[in-house]
PDB file of all heavy atoms in Angstrom:
ATOM      1  N   HIS A   1     -65.585 -21.309  38.977  1.00  0.00           N
ATOM      2  CA  HIS A   1     -64.335 -21.836  39.129  1.00  0.00           C
ATOM      3  C   HIS A   1     -63.961 -22.950  38.083  1.00  0.00           C
ATOM      4  O   HIS A   1     -64.874 -23.632  37.708  1.00  0.00           O
ATOM      5  CB  HIS A   1     -63.983 -22.362  40.499  1.00  0.00           C
ATOM      6  CG  HIS A   1     -64.811 -23.484  41.073  1.00  0.00           C
ATOM      7  ND1 HIS A   1     -66.088 -23.393  41.330  1.00  0.00           N
ATOM      8  CD2 HIS A   1     -64.603 -24.840  40.992  1.00  0.00           C
ATOM      9  CE1 HIS A   1     -66.515 -24.567  41.693  1.00  0.00           C
ATOM     10  NE2 HIS A   1     -65.674 -25.368  41.567  1.00  0.00           N
ATOM     11  N   PHE A   2     -62.761 -23.007  37.696  1.00  0.00           N
ATOM     12  CA  PHE A   2     -62.343 -24.210  36.975  1.00  0.00           C
ATOM     13  C   PHE A   2     -61.452 -25.140  37.810  1.00  0.00           C
ATOM     14  O   PHE A   2     -61.092 -24.816  38.986  1.00  0.00           O
ATOM     15  CB  PHE A   2     -61.480 -23.720  35.771  1.00  0.00           C
ATOM     16  CG  PHE A   2     -62.167 -22.948  34.754  1.00  0.00           C
ATOM     17  CD1 PHE A   2     -61.481 -22.083  33.801  1.00  0.00           C
ATOM     18  CD2 PHE A   2     -63.536 -22.928  34.549  1.00  0.00           C
ATOM     19  CE1 PHE A   2     -62.056 -21.280  32.959  1.00  0.00           C
ATOM     20  CE2 PHE A   2     -64.143 -22.189  33.603  1.00  0.00           C
ATOM     21  CZ  PHE A   2     -63.468 -21.306  32.704  1.00  0.00           C
ATOM     22  N   GLN A   3     -61.089 -26.297  37.312  1.00  0.00           N
ATOM     23  CA  GLN A   3     -60.244 -27.149  37.927  1.00  0.00           C
ATOM     24  C   GLN A   3     -59.261 -27.717  36.940  1.00  0.00           C
ATOM     25  O   GLN A   3     -59.663 -28.032  35.809  1.00  0.00           O
ATOM     26  CB  GLN A   3     -60.953 -28.359  38.653  1.00  0.00           C
ATOM     27  CG  GLN A   3     -61.890 -27.880  39.603  1.00  0.00           C
ATOM     28  CD  GLN A   3     -62.649 -29.004  40.377  1.00  0.00           C
ATOM     29  OE1 GLN A   3     -61.884 -29.919  40.843  1.00  0.00           O
ATOM     30  NE2 GLN A   3     -63.900 -28.914  40.615  1.00  0.00           N
ATOM     31  N   ILE A   4     -58.034 -27.889  37.245  1.00  0.00           N
ATOM     32  CA  ILE A   4     -57.067 -28.607  36.353  1.00  0.00           C
ATOM     33  C   ILE A   4     -56.353 -29.728  37.190  1.00  0.00           C
ATOM     34  O   ILE A   4     -56.016 -29.580  38.345  1.00  0.00           O
ATOM     35  CB  ILE A   4     -55.935 -27.509  35.938  1.00  0.00           C
ATOM     36  CG1 ILE A   4     -55.188 -28.213  34.796  1.00  0.00           C
ATOM     37  CG2 ILE A   4     -55.209 -27.002  37.029  1.00  0.00           C
ATOM     38  CD1 ILE A   4     -54.410 -27.105  33.993  1.00  0.00           C
ATOM     39  N   ILE A   5     -56.264 -30.786  36.632  1.00  0.00           N
ATOM     40  CA  ILE A   5     -55.705 -32.056  37.161  1.00  0.00           C
ATOM     41  C   ILE A   5     -54.459 -32.491  36.228  1.00  0.00           C
ATOM     42  O   ILE A   5     -54.535 -32.753  35.239  1.00  0.00           O
ATOM     43  CB  ILE A   5     -56.752 -33.146  37.221  1.00  0.00           C
ATOM     44  CG1 ILE A   5     -57.976 -32.721  38.049  1.00  0.00           C
ATOM     45  CG2 ILE A   5     -56.041 -34.420  37.822  1.00  0.00           C
ATOM     46  CD1 ILE A   5     -59.053 -33.729  38.146  1.00  0.00           C
ATOM     47  N   ASN A   6     -53.367 -32.649  37.083  1.00  0.00           N
ATOM     48  CA  ASN A   6     -52.121 -33.067  36.415  1.00  0.00           C
ATOM     49  C   ASN A   6     -51.771 -34.332  37.121  1.00  0.00           C
ATOM     50  O   ASN A   6     -51.613 -34.498  38.395  1.00  0.00           O
ATOM     51  CB  ASN A   6     -50.911 -32.047  36.700  1.00  0.00           C
ATOM     52  CG  ASN A   6     -51.064 -30.765  36.012  1.00  0.00           C
ATOM     53  OD1 ASN A   6     -52.196 -30.335  35.793  1.00  0.00           O
ATOM     54  ND2 ASN A   6     -49.978 -30.068  35.746  1.00  0.00           N
ATOM     55  N   SER A   7     -51.573 -35.436  36.237  1.00  0.00           N
ATOM     56  CA  SER A   7     -51.441 -36.713  36.846  1.00  0.00           C
ATOM     57  C   SER A   7     -50.487 -37.614  36.166  1.00  0.00           C
ATOM     58  O   SER A   7     -50.264 -37.375  34.922  1.00  0.00           O
ATOM     59  CB  SER A   7     -52.846 -37.574  36.874  1.00  0.00           C
ATOM     60  OG  SER A   7     -52.707 -38.808  37.309  1.00  0.00           O
ATOM     61  N   PRO A   8     -49.856 -38.585  36.770  1.00  0.00           N
ATOM     62  CA  PRO A   8     -48.983 -39.546  36.028  1.00  0.00           C
ATOM     63  C   PRO A   8     -49.631 -40.504  35.277  1.00  0.00           C
ATOM     64  O   PRO A   8     -49.144 -41.110  34.352  1.00  0.00           O
ATOM     65  CB  PRO A   8     -48.056 -40.187  37.103  1.00  0.00           C
ATOM     66  CG  PRO A   8     -48.902 -40.129  38.363  1.00  0.00           C
ATOM     67  CD  PRO A   8     -49.816 -38.791  38.183  1.00  0.00           C
ATOM     68  N   THR A   9     -51.037 -40.630  35.469  1.00  0.00           N
ATOM     69  CA  THR A   9     -51.812 -41.671  34.702  1.00  0.00           C
ATOM     70  C   THR A   9     -53.070 -40.872  34.215  1.00  0.00           C
ATOM     71  O   THR A   9     -53.618 -39.969  34.825  1.00  0.00           O
ATOM     72  CB  THR A   9     -52.253 -42.761  35.606  1.00  0.00           C
ATOM     73  OG1 THR A   9     -52.986 -42.294  36.835  1.00  0.00           O
ATOM     74  CG2 THR A   9     -51.017 -43.597  35.998  1.00  0.00           C
ATOM     75  N   PRO A  10     -53.643 -41.415  33.088  1.00  0.00           N
ATOM     76  CA  PRO A  10     -54.837 -40.820  32.560  1.00  0.00           C
ATOM     77  C   PRO A  10     -56.000 -41.268  33.166  1.00  0.00           C
ATOM     78  O   PRO A  10     -56.076 -42.426  33.691  1.00  0.00           O
ATOM     79  CB  PRO A  10     -54.811 -41.188  31.006  1.00  0.00           C
ATOM     80  CG  PRO A  10     -54.058 -42.443  30.982  1.00  0.00           C
ATOM     81  CD  PRO A  10     -53.050 -42.418  32.125  1.00  0.00           C
ATOM     82  N   SER A  11     -57.081 -40.548  33.209  1.00  0.00           N
ATOM     83  CA  SER A  11     -58.472 -41.136  33.600  1.00  0.00           C
ATOM     84  C   SER A  11     -58.913 -42.059  32.650  1.00  0.00           C
ATOM     85  O   SER A  11     -58.450 -42.407  31.409  1.00  0.00           O
ATOM     86  CB  SER A  11     -59.437 -39.891  33.633  1.00  0.00           C
ATOM     87  OG  SER A  11     -59.782 -39.404  32.166  1.00  0.00           O
ATOM     88  N   THR A  12     -60.113 -42.757  32.944  1.00  0.00           N
ATOM     89  CA  THR A  12     -60.612 -43.812  32.175  1.00  0.00           C
ATOM     90  C   THR A  12     -60.931 -43.356  30.679  1.00  0.00           C
ATOM     91  O   THR A  12     -60.542 -44.002  29.774  1.00  0.00           O
ATOM     92  CB  THR A  12     -61.837 -44.486  32.802  1.00  0.00           C
ATOM     93  OG1 THR A  12     -61.598 -44.937  34.095  1.00  0.00           O
ATOM     94  CG2 THR A  12     -62.459 -45.598  32.006  1.00  0.00           C
ATOM     95  N   HIS A  13     -61.656 -42.324  30.597  1.00  0.00           N
ATOM     96  CA  HIS A  13     -61.990 -41.874  29.422  1.00  0.00           C
ATOM     97  C   HIS A  13     -60.844 -41.200  28.574  1.00  0.00           C
ATOM     98  O   HIS A  13     -60.711 -41.351  27.208  1.00  0.00           O
ATOM     99  CB  HIS A  13     -63.203 -40.786  29.375  1.00  0.00           C
ATOM    100  CG  HIS A  13     -63.765 -40.299  28.044  1.00  0.00           C
ATOM    101  ND1 HIS A  13     -64.497 -41.079  27.284  1.00  0.00           N
ATOM    102  CD2 HIS A  13     -63.551 -39.144  27.272  1.00  0.00           C
ATOM    103  CE1 HIS A  13     -64.846 -40.536  26.128  1.00  0.00           C
ATOM    104  NE2 HIS A  13     -64.198 -39.424  26.112  1.00  0.00           N
ATOM    105  N   HIS A  14     -59.920 -40.551  29.243  1.00  0.00           N
ATOM    106  CA  HIS A  14     -58.769 -40.089  28.666  1.00  0.00           C
ATOM    107  C   HIS A  14     -57.932 -41.219  28.029  1.00  0.00           C
ATOM    108  O   HIS A  14     -57.463 -41.034  26.762  1.00  0.00           O
ATOM    109  CB  HIS A  14     -57.870 -39.301  29.649  1.00  0.00           C
ATOM    110  CG  HIS A  14     -56.995 -38.217  29.111  1.00  0.00           C
ATOM    111  ND1 HIS A  14     -56.264 -37.477  29.903  1.00  0.00           N
ATOM    112  CD2 HIS A  14     -56.471 -38.090  27.903  1.00  0.00           C
ATOM    113  CE1 HIS A  14     -55.420 -36.632  29.264  1.00  0.00           C
ATOM    114  NE2 HIS A  14     -55.569 -37.099  27.989  1.00  0.00           N
ATOM    115  N   GLU A  15     -57.740 -42.258  28.689  1.00  0.00           N
ATOM    116  CA  GLU A  15     -57.008 -43.380  28.180  1.00  0.00           C
ATOM    117  C   GLU A  15     -57.654 -43.921  27.071  1.00  0.00           C
ATOM    118  O   GLU A  15     -57.003 -44.374  26.010  1.00  0.00           O
ATOM    119  CB  GLU A  15     -56.794 -44.376  29.300  1.00  0.00           C
ATOM    120  CG  GLU A  15     -55.904 -45.611  28.772  1.00  0.00           C
ATOM    121  CD  GLU A  15     -55.494 -46.540  30.040  1.00  0.00           C
ATOM    122  OE1 GLU A  15     -56.431 -46.690  30.881  1.00  0.00           O
ATOM    123  OE2 GLU A  15     -54.470 -47.066  30.069  1.00  0.00           O
ATOM    124  N   LEU A  16     -59.045 -44.029  27.066  1.00  0.00           N
ATOM    125  CA  LEU A  16     -59.821 -44.666  26.075  1.00  0.00           C
ATOM    126  C   LEU A  16     -59.548 -43.922  24.608  1.00  0.00           C
ATOM    127  O   LEU A  16     -59.350 -44.507  23.630  1.00  0.00           O
ATOM    128  CB  LEU A  16     -61.358 -44.772  26.358  1.00  0.00           C
ATOM    129  CG  LEU A  16     -62.202 -45.202  25.220  1.00  0.00           C
ATOM    130  CD1 LEU A  16     -62.045 -46.685  24.869  1.00  0.00           C
ATOM    131  CD2 LEU A  16     -63.751 -45.001  25.708  1.00  0.00           C
ATOM    132  N   ILE A  17     -59.730 -42.708  24.720  1.00  0.00           N
ATOM    133  CA  ILE A  17     -59.734 -41.750  23.535  1.00  0.00           C
ATOM    134  C   ILE A  17     -58.206 -41.815  22.976  1.00  0.00           C
ATOM    135  O   ILE A  17     -57.951 -41.773  21.753  1.00  0.00           O
ATOM    136  CB  ILE A  17     -60.278 -40.462  23.588  1.00  0.00           C
ATOM    137  CG1 ILE A  17     -59.569 -39.567  24.834  1.00  0.00           C
ATOM    138  CG2 ILE A  17     -61.738 -40.505  23.850  1.00  0.00           C
ATOM    139  CD1 ILE A  17     -60.070 -38.189  24.795  1.00  0.00           C
ATOM    140  N   LEU A  18     -57.281 -41.842  23.881  1.00  0.00           N
ATOM    141  CA  LEU A  18     -55.883 -41.872  23.469  1.00  0.00           C
ATOM    142  C   LEU A  18     -55.628 -43.269  22.637  1.00  0.00           C
ATOM    143  O   LEU A  18     -54.912 -43.210  21.574  1.00  0.00           O
ATOM    144  CB  LEU A  18     -54.910 -41.725  24.601  1.00  0.00           C
ATOM    145  CG  LEU A  18     -54.780 -40.327  25.198  1.00  0.00           C
ATOM    146  CD1 LEU A  18     -53.939 -40.373  26.489  1.00  0.00           C
ATOM    147  CD2 LEU A  18     -54.004 -39.411  24.212  1.00  0.00           C
ATOM    148  N   GLN A  19     -56.196 -44.332  23.310  1.00  0.00           N
ATOM    149  CA  GLN A  19     -55.949 -45.650  22.696  1.00  0.00           C
ATOM    150  C   GLN A  19     -56.669 -45.633  21.269  1.00  0.00           C
ATOM    151  O   GLN A  19     -56.088 -46.383  20.415  1.00  0.00           O
ATOM    152  CB  GLN A  19     -56.427 -46.754  23.682  1.00  0.00           C
ATOM    153  CG  GLN A  19     -55.401 -46.997  24.810  1.00  0.00           C
ATOM    154  CD  GLN A  19     -56.033 -47.894  25.883  1.00  0.00           C
ATOM    155  OE1 GLN A  19     -57.173 -48.429  25.802  1.00  0.00           O
ATOM    156  NE2 GLN A  19     -55.253 -48.371  26.775  1.00  0.00           N
ATOM    157  N   LYS A  20     -57.938 -45.257  21.376  1.00  0.00           N
ATOM    158  CA  LYS A  20     -58.687 -45.348  20.062  1.00  0.00           C
ATOM    159  C   LYS A  20     -58.061 -44.471  18.843  1.00  0.00           C
ATOM    160  O   LYS A  20     -58.088 -44.979  17.799  1.00  0.00           O
ATOM    161  CB  LYS A  20     -60.081 -44.954  20.432  1.00  0.00           C
ATOM    162  CG  LYS A  20     -60.895 -45.890  21.224  1.00  0.00           C
ATOM    163  CD  LYS A  20     -61.198 -47.176  20.575  1.00  0.00           C
ATOM    164  CE  LYS A  20     -62.126 -48.005  21.351  1.00  0.00           C
ATOM    165  NZ  LYS A  20     -62.520 -49.314  20.571  1.00  0.00           N
ATOM    166  N   CYS A  21     -57.620 -43.394  19.276  1.00  0.00           N
ATOM    167  CA  CYS A  21     -57.017 -42.517  18.318  1.00  0.00           C
ATOM    168  C   CYS A  21     -55.548 -43.134  17.845  1.00  0.00           C
ATOM    169  O   CYS A  21     -55.206 -43.049  16.654  1.00  0.00           O
ATOM    170  CB  CYS A  21     -56.703 -41.024  18.949  1.00  0.00           C
ATOM    171  SG  CYS A  21     -58.135 -40.015  19.131  1.00  0.00           S
ATOM    172  N   ALA A  22     -54.928 -43.801  18.619  1.00  0.00           N
ATOM    173  CA  ALA A  22     -53.682 -44.383  18.235  1.00  0.00           C
ATOM    174  C   ALA A  22     -53.884 -45.678  17.319  1.00  0.00           C
ATOM    175  O   ALA A  22     -53.262 -45.707  16.299  1.00  0.00           O
ATOM    176  CB  ALA A  22     -52.887 -44.967  19.438  1.00  0.00           C
ATOM    177  N   LEU A  23     -54.982 -46.379  17.558  1.00  0.00           N
ATOM    178  CA  LEU A  23     -55.406 -47.467  16.798  1.00  0.00           C
ATOM    179  C   LEU A  23     -55.908 -46.866  15.394  1.00  0.00           C
ATOM    180  O   LEU A  23     -55.587 -47.530  14.309  1.00  0.00           O
ATOM    181  CB  LEU A  23     -56.639 -48.168  17.350  1.00  0.00           C
ATOM    182  CG  LEU A  23     -57.172 -49.440  16.609  1.00  0.00           C
ATOM    183  CD1 LEU A  23     -55.977 -50.500  16.337  1.00  0.00           C
ATOM    184  CD2 LEU A  23     -58.240 -50.081  17.443  1.00  0.00           C
ATOM    185  N   TYR A  24     -56.616 -45.802  15.385  1.00  0.00           N
ATOM    186  CA  TYR A  24     -57.187 -45.224  14.099  1.00  0.00           C
ATOM    187  C   TYR A  24     -55.960 -44.787  13.308  1.00  0.00           C
ATOM    188  O   TYR A  24     -55.938 -45.065  12.073  1.00  0.00           O
ATOM    189  CB  TYR A  24     -58.123 -44.076  14.458  1.00  0.00           C
ATOM    190  CG  TYR A  24     -58.772 -43.530  13.240  1.00  0.00           C
ATOM    191  CD1 TYR A  24     -59.972 -43.807  12.915  1.00  0.00           C
ATOM    192  CD2 TYR A  24     -58.047 -42.487  12.641  1.00  0.00           C
ATOM    193  CE1 TYR A  24     -60.498 -43.360  11.734  1.00  0.00           C
ATOM    194  CE2 TYR A  24     -58.632 -41.847  11.521  1.00  0.00           C
ATOM    195  CZ  TYR A  24     -59.957 -42.230  11.011  1.00  0.00           C
ATOM    196  OH  TYR A  24     -60.552 -41.738   9.966  1.00  0.00           O
ATOM    197  N   HIS A  25     -54.985 -44.157  13.850  1.00  0.00           N
ATOM    198  CA  HIS A  25     -53.810 -43.773  13.231  1.00  0.00           C
ATOM    199  C   HIS A  25     -53.045 -44.791  12.455  1.00  0.00           C
ATOM    200  O   HIS A  25     -52.543 -44.761  11.451  1.00  0.00           O
ATOM    201  CB  HIS A  25     -52.979 -42.854  14.012  1.00  0.00           C
ATOM    202  CG  HIS A  25     -51.796 -42.170  13.468  1.00  0.00           C
ATOM    203  ND1 HIS A  25     -50.602 -42.705  13.262  1.00  0.00           N
ATOM    204  CD2 HIS A  25     -51.730 -40.893  12.925  1.00  0.00           C
ATOM    205  CE1 HIS A  25     -49.783 -41.854  12.622  1.00  0.00           C
ATOM    206  NE2 HIS A  25     -50.526 -40.790  12.357  1.00  0.00           N
ATOM    207  N   GLU A  26     -53.008 -45.831  13.293  1.00  0.00           N
ATOM    208  CA  GLU A  26     -52.276 -47.176  12.823  1.00  0.00           C
ATOM    209  C   GLU A  26     -52.911 -47.730  11.670  1.00  0.00           C
ATOM    210  O   GLU A  26     -52.290 -48.237  10.713  1.00  0.00           O
ATOM    211  CB  GLU A  26     -52.211 -48.159  13.961  1.00  0.00           C
ATOM    212  CG  GLU A  26     -51.480 -49.396  13.709  1.00  0.00           C
ATOM    213  CD  GLU A  26     -51.549 -50.457  14.789  1.00  0.00           C
ATOM    214  OE1 GLU A  26     -51.117 -49.965  15.956  1.00  0.00           O
ATOM    215  OE2 GLU A  26     -51.726 -51.566  14.452  1.00  0.00           O
ATOM    216  N   GLN A  27     -54.225 -47.656  11.655  1.00  0.00           N
ATOM    217  CA  GLN A  27     -55.074 -48.269  10.520  1.00  0.00           C
ATOM    218  C   GLN A  27     -55.155 -47.383   9.322  1.00  0.00           C
ATOM    219  O   GLN A  27     -55.132 -47.858   8.194  1.00  0.00           O
ATOM    220  CB  GLN A  27     -56.352 -48.558  11.136  1.00  0.00           C
ATOM    221  CG  GLN A  27     -56.521 -49.681  12.077  1.00  0.00           C
ATOM    222  CD  GLN A  27     -57.879 -49.859  12.692  1.00  0.00           C
ATOM    223  OE1 GLN A  27     -58.615 -49.050  12.661  1.00  0.00           O
ATOM    224  NE2 GLN A  27     -58.221 -51.055  13.471  1.00  0.00           N
ATOM    225  N   HIS A  28     -55.168 -45.964   9.550  1.00  0.00           N
ATOM    226  CA  HIS A  28     -55.488 -45.114   8.421  1.00  0.00           C
ATOM    227  C   HIS A  28     -54.225 -44.087   8.137  1.00  0.00           C
ATOM    228  O   HIS A  28     -54.393 -43.322   7.267  1.00  0.00           O
ATOM    229  CB  HIS A  28     -56.807 -44.477   8.660  1.00  0.00           C
ATOM    230  CG  HIS A  28     -57.944 -45.338   8.994  1.00  0.00           C
ATOM    231  ND1 HIS A  28     -58.683 -45.963   8.049  1.00  0.00           N
ATOM    232  CD2 HIS A  28     -58.602 -45.538  10.103  1.00  0.00           C
ATOM    233  CE1 HIS A  28     -59.565 -46.636   8.497  1.00  0.00           C
ATOM    234  NE2 HIS A  28     -59.566 -46.454   9.804  1.00  0.00           N
ATOM    235  N   ASN A  29     -53.430 -44.052   8.978  1.00  0.00           N
ATOM    236  CA  ASN A  29     -52.220 -43.202   8.871  1.00  0.00           C
ATOM    237  C   ASN A  29     -52.769 -41.659   8.919  1.00  0.00           C
ATOM    238  O   ASN A  29     -52.075 -40.791   8.229  1.00  0.00           O
ATOM    239  CB  ASN A  29     -51.474 -43.447   7.620  1.00  0.00           C
ATOM    240  CG  ASN A  29     -50.071 -42.837   7.704  1.00  0.00           C
ATOM    241  OD1 ASN A  29     -49.462 -42.743   8.727  1.00  0.00           O
ATOM    242  ND2 ASN A  29     -49.591 -42.444   6.487  1.00  0.00           N
ATOM    243  N   THR A  30     -53.826 -41.399   9.481  1.00  0.00           N
ATOM    244  CA  THR A  30     -54.316 -40.074   9.756  1.00  0.00           C
ATOM    245  C   THR A  30     -54.900 -39.858  11.150  1.00  0.00           C
ATOM    246  O   THR A  30     -55.021 -40.885  11.894  1.00  0.00           O
ATOM    247  CB  THR A  30     -55.410 -39.705   8.599  1.00  0.00           C
ATOM    248  OG1 THR A  30     -56.559 -40.636   8.926  1.00  0.00           O
ATOM    249  CG2 THR A  30     -55.019 -39.778   7.232  1.00  0.00           C
ATOM    250  N   CYS A  31     -54.940 -38.717  11.564  1.00  0.00           N
ATOM    251  CA  CYS A  31     -55.520 -38.336  12.826  1.00  0.00           C
ATOM    252  C   CYS A  31     -56.994 -38.453  12.882  1.00  0.00           C
ATOM    253  O   CYS A  31     -57.667 -37.835  11.977  1.00  0.00           O
ATOM    254  CB  CYS A  31     -55.120 -36.924  13.274  1.00  0.00           C
ATOM    255  SG  CYS A  31     -55.672 -36.459  14.901  1.00  0.00           S
ATOM    256  N   PHE A  32     -57.657 -39.135  13.839  1.00  0.00           N
ATOM    257  CA  PHE A  32     -59.148 -39.264  13.774  1.00  0.00           C
ATOM    258  C   PHE A  32     -59.809 -37.862  13.837  1.00  0.00           C
ATOM    259  O   PHE A  32     -60.746 -37.598  13.058  1.00  0.00           O
ATOM    260  CB  PHE A  32     -59.516 -40.065  15.059  1.00  0.00           C
ATOM    261  CG  PHE A  32     -61.078 -39.975  15.223  1.00  0.00           C
ATOM    262  CD1 PHE A  32     -61.925 -40.820  14.633  1.00  0.00           C
ATOM    263  CD2 PHE A  32     -61.595 -39.034  16.147  1.00  0.00           C
ATOM    264  CE1 PHE A  32     -63.286 -40.680  14.776  1.00  0.00           C
ATOM    265  CE2 PHE A  32     -62.964 -38.949  16.297  1.00  0.00           C
ATOM    266  CZ  PHE A  32     -63.732 -39.751  15.651  1.00  0.00           C
ATOM    267  N   TRP A  33     -59.296 -36.890  14.590  1.00  0.00           N
ATOM    268  CA  TRP A  33     -59.948 -35.609  14.777  1.00  0.00           C
ATOM    269  C   TRP A  33     -59.859 -34.813  13.552  1.00  0.00           C
ATOM    270  O   TRP A  33     -60.732 -34.023  13.198  1.00  0.00           O
ATOM    271  CB  TRP A  33     -59.369 -34.878  15.934  1.00  0.00           C
ATOM    272  CG  TRP A  33     -59.442 -35.685  17.298  1.00  0.00           C
ATOM    273  CD1 TRP A  33     -58.519 -36.328  18.028  1.00  0.00           C
ATOM    274  CD2 TRP A  33     -60.673 -35.874  18.018  1.00  0.00           C
ATOM    275  NE1 TRP A  33     -59.234 -36.885  19.084  1.00  0.00           N
ATOM    276  CE2 TRP A  33     -60.441 -36.735  19.118  1.00  0.00           C
ATOM    277  CE3 TRP A  33     -62.000 -35.539  17.746  1.00  0.00           C
ATOM    278  CZ2 TRP A  33     -61.451 -37.100  20.056  1.00  0.00           C
ATOM    279  CZ3 TRP A  33     -63.020 -35.931  18.651  1.00  0.00           C
ATOM    280  CH2 TRP A  33     -62.695 -36.603  19.670  1.00  0.00           C
ATOM    281  N   ASP A  34     -58.801 -34.945  12.853  1.00  0.00           N
ATOM    282  CA  ASP A  34     -58.612 -34.232  11.488  1.00  0.00           C
ATOM    283  C   ASP A  34     -59.599 -34.686  10.487  1.00  0.00           C
ATOM    284  O   ASP A  34     -60.409 -33.951   9.833  1.00  0.00           O
ATOM    285  CB  ASP A  34     -57.282 -34.417  10.914  1.00  0.00           C
ATOM    286  CG  ASP A  34     -56.116 -33.602  11.636  1.00  0.00           C
ATOM    287  OD1 ASP A  34     -56.543 -32.695  12.319  1.00  0.00           O
ATOM    288  OD2 ASP A  34     -54.926 -34.027  11.532  1.00  0.00           O
ATOM    289  N   ASP A  35     -59.820 -36.050  10.476  1.00  0.00           N
ATOM    290  CA  ASP A  35     -60.809 -36.644   9.534  1.00  0.00           C
ATOM    291  C   ASP A  35     -62.207 -36.218  10.020  1.00  0.00           C
ATOM    292  O   ASP A  35     -63.020 -36.098   9.167  1.00  0.00           O
ATOM    293  CB  ASP A  35     -60.618 -38.129   9.497  1.00  0.00           C
ATOM    294  CG  ASP A  35     -59.241 -38.620   8.702  1.00  0.00           C
ATOM    295  OD1 ASP A  35     -58.653 -37.776   8.232  1.00  0.00           O
ATOM    296  OD2 ASP A  35     -59.042 -39.905   8.732  1.00  0.00           O
ATOM    297  N   LEU A  36     -62.461 -36.281  11.285  1.00  0.00           N
ATOM    298  CA  LEU A  36     -63.845 -35.972  11.666  1.00  0.00           C
ATOM    299  C   LEU A  36     -64.062 -34.552  11.329  1.00  0.00           C
ATOM    300  O   LEU A  36     -65.292 -34.260  10.904  1.00  0.00           O
ATOM    301  CB  LEU A  36     -63.925 -36.137  13.264  1.00  0.00           C
ATOM    302  CG  LEU A  36     -65.102 -35.808  14.026  1.00  0.00           C
ATOM    303  CD1 LEU A  36     -66.271 -36.813  13.632  1.00  0.00           C
ATOM    304  CD2 LEU A  36     -65.150 -35.674  15.468  1.00  0.00           C
ATOM    305  N   LEU A  37     -63.224 -33.652  11.585  1.00  0.00           N
ATOM    306  CA  LEU A  37     -63.482 -32.218  11.239  1.00  0.00           C
ATOM    307  C   LEU A  37     -63.739 -32.142   9.742  1.00  0.00           C
ATOM    308  O   LEU A  37     -64.738 -31.431   9.420  1.00  0.00           O
ATOM    309  CB  LEU A  37     -62.332 -31.334  11.624  1.00  0.00           C
ATOM    310  CG  LEU A  37     -62.148 -31.147  13.138  1.00  0.00           C
ATOM    311  CD1 LEU A  37     -60.951 -30.328  13.332  1.00  0.00           C
ATOM    312  CD2 LEU A  37     -63.366 -30.593  13.757  1.00  0.00           C
TER     313      LEU A  37
END
């Protein structure tokens, strides 16, 4: 089985990667995941 969670707030790690990606974009004007790939 799989599980799907819909929530008004992100989990701890979800929030962390969203924040880190936003900071990276602010600093480099690119998406972290695009650059990583």
